[in-house]
Amino acid sequence: MRASSAGPFRPLVNTPAAASPTATALPLRAVAWMVASTLSFGTMAVLIRIASARVHPFEIAFLRSLFGALAALPLLWMRGPGILRTDRLGFYTLRCAIGALSMLAGFWAIAHLPLAQAIALSYSSPLFVTIGAVLFLGEAVRLRRWTAVAAGFVGVLVIVRPGGDGFTAASLVALFSAAMTGVVTISIKFLSRSDPADTIVLLTTWLWVPLSLPAALLVWQWPPADLWPWLVVIGVLGTLGQYAWTHALKLADASSLAPFSYLQLVFVAVLAWLLFGEAPDRYTALGAAIVIGASLYIARREALLARQHRRQPPSEKAEPQI
C-alpha cells in the first residue's frame, strides 16, 4: 500500500496499482508531471492564504470545489459518461464527506498558521495511513516501520511544540486535517481495486461541491468582484494538480517521485517569505525534516515490499510483513 499525498494541498486520489510504471530509470515525463502537481498545489495554498484575508476559508473550500468540478468537465468529455459508472456510490459519498472535512480543516489551518508550518503538518498524513492500515486493513507492520512512524510523530511534536509559546489551536486543526486525509487514503485502497483513477477523480471532485456547501453557507458573504478570478484559479489549480499527480504515478513508482513532491514545502516557504514575510522558524524546519524523512522511509519500504510481493507466484502470496 502506498501513502497518498492527499489533503487540501495535494490530491485525494491514488492511481491503482495496476497502472504499471517504468521499472528502471525514472522517466523525465513523470518528474515533469510531479513537479507540475507540486507547483499547482503550492501556488493554490499561497492563493488560499491571500484570499482568506477577505473571504472565510470555508467559502474558499466550496468555491475551490465548484470551479475544480467545472475544470474537470473536459475529462468527462474525453472518457465518456461511462467513466462515471460505479457500484460504490455510497462508499464514495462517505469517503468524500471525510475528504471535505479534511479540506475545510486544511484551508482553515492555512488561513491561521504560518504557511510553511501548515504544509509541514500536512505531510504527517502517511503516519496516520500506517496506523489506519493496521486498524482497518489488517496489514502487519513490523518494528522498522513503527519506528519510522514514531520518529515522524516526534517531528510533529517539534513543529507543534505543545506547551510552548509557539503552540496554537490551529496546529491541532492542521493535524486533524492530516488524520482525515489518512482515512481518505485508506479508502482509496478499496476503491482502486474496482474503479479506474479517472472515475475516482471525477466523482470525488463533483461530490465535494454539495458536501462543502453547508459549511460555506454558515459564513457566506459574497466575495469582492476583484477576488473572483483568483478563486477560479484556486479551483483550476486544484484539478490540474490532481490530474498531473495521477499522470506522474502512471509513469513511475510513488516512492521514486516522493522527493519531488516535497519540493512543495520549499516552494511554499520561499513564497511565504517573499509575500508575507514569514520565515520558517528552526522548529518548523527541524520537525519538517524529521516528518519528511520518516515518510520517505515508509514510502520506500512499501515500494520494496510491493515489488517482492509482485514477484511471488500467486500461490505463495501472503499479506506483506512490513
Protein backbone atom coordinates (compact mmCIF):
# COMPACT_ATOMS: atom_id res chain seq x y z
CA MET A 1 0.00 0.00 0.00
CA ARG A 2 1.21 3.48 -0.88
CA ALA A 3 0.56 6.51 1.29
CA SER A 4 -1.15 9.18 -0.75
CA SER A 5 -0.13 12.82 -0.62
CA ALA A 6 -3.69 13.77 -0.02
CA GLY A 7 -5.12 16.79 1.59
CA PRO A 8 -6.04 20.32 0.72
CA PHE A 9 -2.57 20.89 -0.73
CA ARG A 10 -2.30 17.68 -2.70
CA PRO A 11 -4.76 15.32 -4.45
CA LEU A 12 -7.10 12.99 -2.62
CA VAL A 13 -6.60 10.23 -5.14
CA ASN A 14 -4.28 7.31 -5.79
CA THR A 15 -3.51 5.62 -9.05
CA PRO A 16 -4.41 1.93 -8.92
CA ALA A 17 -1.51 -0.45 -8.61
CA ALA A 18 -2.44 -1.98 -11.94
CA ALA A 19 -1.01 1.03 -13.72
CA SER A 20 2.45 -0.25 -14.46
CA PRO A 21 5.15 2.39 -14.05
CA THR A 22 8.55 2.15 -15.60
CA ALA A 23 10.53 -0.29 -13.57
CA THR A 24 14.06 1.02 -14.03
CA ALA A 25 15.08 4.61 -14.84
CA LEU A 26 12.86 7.37 -13.55
CA PRO A 27 11.13 8.84 -16.65
CA LEU A 28 11.63 12.55 -17.19
CA ARG A 29 7.94 12.93 -18.04
CA ALA A 30 6.98 11.50 -14.63
CA VAL A 31 9.21 14.04 -12.91
CA ALA A 32 7.72 16.83 -15.02
CA TRP A 33 4.17 15.79 -14.10
CA MET A 34 5.08 15.58 -10.41
CA VAL A 35 6.77 18.99 -10.41
CA ALA A 36 3.70 20.42 -12.19
CA SER A 37 1.50 18.93 -9.47
CA THR A 38 3.76 20.31 -6.74
CA LEU A 39 3.74 23.82 -8.21
CA SER A 40 -0.03 23.71 -8.73
CA PHE A 41 -0.80 22.76 -5.13
CA GLY A 42 1.86 25.06 -3.71
CA THR A 43 0.51 28.04 -5.65
CA MET A 44 -3.02 27.09 -4.61
CA ALA A 45 -2.00 27.16 -0.93
CA VAL A 46 -0.49 30.65 -1.34
CA LEU A 47 -3.64 31.93 -3.09
CA ILE A 48 -5.81 30.45 -0.34
CA ARG A 49 -3.81 32.45 2.20
CA ILE A 50 -4.25 35.64 0.14
CA ALA A 51 -7.98 35.09 -0.39
CA SER A 52 -8.59 34.18 3.27
CA ALA A 53 -7.77 37.76 4.27
CA ARG A 54 -11.08 38.80 2.66
CA VAL A 55 -13.20 35.63 2.48
CA HIS A 56 -13.78 32.88 5.05
CA PRO A 57 -11.74 29.73 4.26
CA PHE A 58 -14.94 27.62 4.24
CA GLU A 59 -16.20 29.71 1.32
CA ILE A 60 -12.87 29.27 -0.43
CA ALA A 61 -13.11 25.49 0.03
CA PHE A 62 -16.58 25.41 -1.55
CA LEU A 63 -15.58 27.63 -4.47
CA ARG A 64 -12.40 25.58 -4.96
CA SER A 65 -14.65 22.51 -5.23
CA LEU A 66 -17.13 24.24 -7.58
CA PHE A 67 -14.59 25.66 -10.01
CA GLY A 68 -12.49 22.50 -9.72
CA ALA A 69 -15.52 20.43 -10.75
CA LEU A 70 -16.06 22.66 -13.78
CA ALA A 71 -12.38 22.34 -14.68
CA ALA A 72 -12.77 18.53 -14.62
CA LEU A 73 -15.51 18.54 -17.28
CA PRO A 74 -13.04 18.01 -20.18
CA LEU A 75 -12.05 14.73 -18.55
CA LEU A 76 -15.67 13.57 -18.84
CA TRP A 77 -15.72 14.61 -22.49
CA MET A 78 -12.52 12.66 -23.21
CA ARG A 79 -13.55 9.50 -21.35
CA GLY A 80 -17.31 9.50 -21.98
CA PRO A 81 -20.18 9.22 -19.47
CA GLY A 82 -19.37 5.54 -18.86
CA ILE A 83 -16.45 6.65 -16.68
CA LEU A 84 -18.97 7.69 -14.01
CA ARG A 85 -20.35 4.18 -13.55
CA THR A 86 -19.69 2.69 -10.13
CA ASP A 87 -21.38 0.24 -7.77
CA ARG A 88 -19.97 2.03 -4.71
CA LEU A 89 -21.66 5.42 -4.72
CA GLY A 90 -22.49 5.18 -1.00
CA PHE A 91 -18.86 4.50 -0.18
CA TYR A 92 -17.80 7.42 -2.40
CA THR A 93 -20.19 9.71 -0.54
CA LEU A 94 -18.81 8.69 2.86
CA ARG A 95 -15.22 8.98 1.64
CA CYS A 96 -15.85 12.40 0.09
CA ALA A 97 -17.60 13.64 3.24
CA ILE A 98 -14.44 12.81 5.20
CA GLY A 99 -12.34 14.38 2.44
CA ALA A 100 -14.44 17.55 2.52
CA LEU A 101 -13.95 17.73 6.29
CA SER A 102 -10.21 17.39 5.77
CA MET A 103 -10.27 20.13 3.13
CA LEU A 104 -12.25 22.54 5.33
CA ALA A 105 -9.86 21.97 8.24
CA GLY A 106 -6.82 22.28 5.99
CA PHE A 107 -7.99 25.54 4.41
CA TRP A 108 -8.77 26.94 7.87
CA ALA A 109 -5.26 25.98 9.03
CA ILE A 110 -3.71 27.75 6.02
CA ALA A 111 -5.57 30.91 7.00
CA HIS A 112 -4.44 30.78 10.65
CA LEU A 113 -0.93 29.25 10.61
CA PRO A 114 2.36 30.27 9.01
CA LEU A 115 2.19 28.66 5.57
CA ALA A 116 5.34 26.56 5.95
CA GLN A 117 4.06 25.14 9.23
CA ALA A 118 0.66 24.29 7.75
CA ILE A 119 2.25 22.47 4.80
CA ALA A 120 4.78 20.68 7.02
CA LEU A 121 2.00 19.33 9.25
CA SER A 122 0.07 18.12 6.19
CA TYR A 123 2.99 15.80 5.44
CA SER A 124 2.22 13.82 8.60
CA SER A 125 -0.63 12.12 6.70
CA PRO A 126 1.42 8.97 5.83
CA LEU A 127 1.92 8.37 9.55
CA PHE A 128 -1.84 8.17 10.05
CA VAL A 129 -2.14 5.98 6.95
CA THR A 130 0.21 3.42 8.51
CA ILE A 131 -1.88 3.29 11.68
CA GLY A 132 -5.09 3.06 9.66
CA ALA A 133 -3.68 0.21 7.56
CA VAL A 134 -3.21 -1.82 10.73
CA LEU A 135 -6.61 -0.94 12.23
CA PHE A 136 -8.80 -1.16 9.12
CA LEU A 137 -6.91 -3.26 6.56
CA GLY A 138 -5.30 -5.78 8.91
CA GLU A 139 -1.81 -5.14 7.49
CA ALA A 140 1.09 -6.42 9.56
CA VAL A 141 3.61 -3.67 10.36
CA ARG A 142 6.97 -4.61 11.84
CA LEU A 143 9.42 -2.76 14.03
CA ARG A 144 11.24 -0.71 11.38
CA ARG A 145 8.09 0.89 10.06
CA TRP A 146 6.69 1.51 13.55
CA THR A 147 10.00 3.18 14.38
CA ALA A 148 9.59 5.48 11.36
CA VAL A 149 6.05 6.33 12.46
CA ALA A 150 7.24 7.12 15.99
CA ALA A 151 10.04 9.30 14.61
CA GLY A 152 7.53 11.10 12.40
CA PHE A 153 5.34 11.95 15.38
CA VAL A 154 8.41 13.25 17.21
CA GLY A 155 8.82 15.59 14.24
CA VAL A 156 5.17 16.64 14.58
CA LEU A 157 5.74 17.46 18.25
CA VAL A 158 8.78 19.54 17.33
CA ILE A 159 6.65 21.57 14.88
CA VAL A 160 3.62 21.93 17.16
CA ARG A 161 5.56 22.46 20.42
CA PRO A 162 2.69 21.67 22.82
CA GLY A 163 3.00 23.83 25.91
CA GLY A 164 5.43 26.21 24.21
CA ASP A 165 4.98 29.81 23.19
CA GLY A 166 4.53 28.86 19.52
CA PHE A 167 1.67 26.43 20.18
CA THR A 168 -1.76 27.35 18.75
CA ALA A 169 -5.05 25.52 18.34
CA ALA A 170 -4.64 25.92 14.58
CA SER A 171 -1.82 23.36 14.72
CA LEU A 172 -4.29 20.79 16.05
CA VAL A 173 -6.71 21.65 13.23
CA ALA A 174 -3.91 21.04 10.70
CA LEU A 175 -3.16 17.68 12.34
CA PHE A 176 -6.86 16.78 12.26
CA SER A 177 -6.86 17.54 8.54
CA ALA A 178 -3.83 15.26 8.04
CA ALA A 179 -5.51 12.47 10.03
CA MET A 180 -8.70 12.73 7.94
CA THR A 181 -6.55 12.67 4.81
CA GLY A 182 -5.09 9.40 6.12
CA VAL A 183 -8.59 7.95 6.41
CA VAL A 184 -9.35 9.04 2.84
CA THR A 185 -6.14 7.41 1.62
CA ILE A 186 -7.14 4.14 3.25
CA SER A 187 -10.50 4.31 1.43
CA ILE A 188 -8.69 4.73 -1.90
CA LYS A 189 -7.14 1.27 -1.44
CA PHE A 190 -10.65 -0.19 -1.59
CA LEU A 191 -11.89 1.97 -4.47
CA SER A 192 -8.83 1.43 -6.68
CA ARG A 193 -9.50 -2.31 -6.65
CA SER A 194 -12.65 -1.80 -8.74
CA ASP A 195 -12.67 1.72 -10.21
CA PRO A 196 -10.21 3.47 -12.56
CA ALA A 197 -8.36 6.59 -11.44
CA ASP A 198 -10.40 8.92 -13.67
CA THR A 199 -13.64 7.73 -12.08
CA ILE A 200 -12.23 8.43 -8.64
CA VAL A 201 -11.06 11.91 -9.70
CA LEU A 202 -14.38 12.91 -11.29
CA LEU A 203 -16.72 11.57 -8.62
CA THR A 204 -14.54 12.95 -5.82
CA THR A 205 -14.33 16.40 -7.41
CA TRP A 206 -18.07 16.62 -8.05
CA LEU A 207 -19.21 15.21 -4.71
CA TRP A 208 -17.09 17.79 -2.89
CA VAL A 209 -19.36 20.55 -4.24
CA PRO A 210 -22.57 19.68 -2.32
CA LEU A 211 -20.64 18.31 0.66
CA SER A 212 -18.66 21.53 1.19
CA LEU A 213 -21.65 23.83 0.62
CA PRO A 214 -23.30 23.65 4.10
CA ALA A 215 -20.17 24.89 5.90
CA ALA A 216 -19.81 27.72 3.35
CA LEU A 217 -23.44 28.80 3.81
CA LEU A 218 -22.88 29.25 7.56
CA VAL A 219 -20.34 32.01 6.90
CA TRP A 220 -21.34 33.16 3.42
CA GLN A 221 -20.60 36.67 2.24
CA TRP A 222 -20.29 37.43 -1.45
CA PRO A 223 -16.60 37.79 -2.36
CA PRO A 224 -15.50 41.14 -3.79
CA ALA A 225 -15.54 41.32 -7.59
CA ASP A 226 -11.76 41.57 -7.90
CA LEU A 227 -11.29 38.33 -5.91
CA TRP A 228 -13.39 36.09 -8.18
CA PRO A 229 -10.65 35.48 -10.79
CA TRP A 230 -8.30 34.25 -8.05
CA LEU A 231 -11.00 31.95 -6.64
CA VAL A 232 -11.44 30.47 -10.12
CA VAL A 233 -7.68 29.97 -10.37
CA ILE A 234 -7.68 28.17 -6.99
CA GLY A 235 -10.26 25.68 -8.29
CA VAL A 236 -8.46 25.15 -11.59
CA LEU A 237 -5.10 24.65 -9.86
CA GLY A 238 -6.64 22.01 -7.57
CA THR A 239 -7.92 19.99 -10.52
CA LEU A 240 -4.70 20.47 -12.52
CA GLY A 241 -2.72 19.29 -9.52
CA GLN A 242 -4.81 16.14 -9.25
CA TYR A 243 -4.53 15.47 -12.98
CA ALA A 244 -0.75 15.95 -13.00
CA TRP A 245 -0.37 13.73 -9.92
CA THR A 246 -2.27 10.80 -11.44
CA HIS A 247 -0.28 11.05 -14.69
CA ALA A 248 3.00 11.07 -12.79
CA LEU A 249 2.00 7.89 -10.97
CA LYS A 250 1.15 6.16 -14.24
CA LEU A 251 4.78 6.58 -15.30
CA ALA A 252 6.80 5.89 -12.12
CA ASP A 253 6.61 4.48 -8.61
CA ALA A 254 5.23 6.80 -5.97
CA SER A 255 8.27 6.17 -3.77
CA SER A 256 10.60 7.38 -6.56
CA LEU A 257 8.52 10.53 -7.03
CA ALA A 258 8.04 11.34 -3.34
CA PRO A 259 11.19 13.51 -3.04
CA PHE A 260 9.86 15.76 -5.82
CA SER A 261 6.52 16.17 -4.03
CA TYR A 262 8.36 17.55 -1.00
CA LEU A 263 9.59 20.44 -3.16
CA GLN A 264 6.18 21.90 -2.39
CA LEU A 265 7.32 22.74 1.14
CA VAL A 266 10.39 24.60 -0.15
CA PHE A 267 8.35 26.37 -2.83
CA VAL A 268 5.66 27.50 -0.38
CA ALA A 269 8.21 28.52 2.27
CA VAL A 270 10.02 30.77 -0.25
CA LEU A 271 6.76 32.37 -1.43
CA ALA A 272 5.56 32.83 2.17
CA TRP A 273 8.82 34.62 2.97
CA LEU A 274 8.65 36.83 -0.12
CA LEU A 275 4.94 37.67 0.05
CA PHE A 276 4.11 37.61 3.77
CA GLY A 277 7.46 37.98 5.48
CA GLU A 278 7.04 34.53 7.10
CA ALA A 279 10.43 32.91 7.62
CA PRO A 280 10.17 29.29 8.86
CA ASP A 281 11.49 29.04 12.42
CA ARG A 282 14.04 26.40 13.39
CA TYR A 283 11.40 24.20 15.00
CA THR A 284 9.33 24.02 11.81
CA ALA A 285 12.44 23.30 9.72
CA LEU A 286 13.72 20.58 12.07
CA GLY A 287 10.30 19.00 12.57
CA ALA A 288 9.55 19.04 8.85
CA ALA A 289 12.88 17.32 8.12
CA ILE A 290 12.03 14.55 10.62
CA VAL A 291 8.47 14.09 9.29
CA ILE A 292 9.62 14.03 5.66
CA GLY A 293 12.45 11.61 6.45
CA ALA A 294 10.03 9.24 8.19
CA SER A 295 7.52 9.49 5.34
CA LEU A 296 10.21 8.80 2.73
CA TYR A 297 11.34 5.70 4.64
CA ILE A 298 7.74 4.44 4.84
CA ALA A 299 7.23 5.03 1.10
CA ARG A 300 10.47 3.28 0.13
CA ARG A 301 9.75 0.35 2.43
CA GLU A 302 6.25 -0.05 0.98
CA ALA A 303 7.61 0.02 -2.59
CA LEU A 304 10.26 -2.60 -1.80
CA LEU A 305 7.76 -4.97 -0.23
CA ALA A 306 5.24 -4.39 -3.02
CA ARG A 307 7.86 -5.40 -5.61
CA GLN A 308 8.73 -8.52 -3.60
CA HIS A 309 5.02 -9.35 -3.33
CA ARG A 310 4.50 -8.99 -7.12
CA ARG A 311 7.44 -11.31 -7.85
CA GLN A 312 5.95 -14.14 -5.78
CA PRO A 313 3.85 -16.79 -7.53
CA PRO A 314 0.11 -16.31 -6.79
CA SER A 315 0.01 -19.47 -4.68
CA GLU A 316 2.77 -18.17 -2.41
CA LYS A 317 1.50 -14.62 -1.89
CA ALA A 318 0.67 -13.59 1.64
CA GLU A 319 -0.02 -10.32 3.38
CA PRO A 320 3.27 -8.39 3.42
CA GLN A 321 5.06 -8.08 6.74
CA ILE A 322 6.23 -4.51 6.98
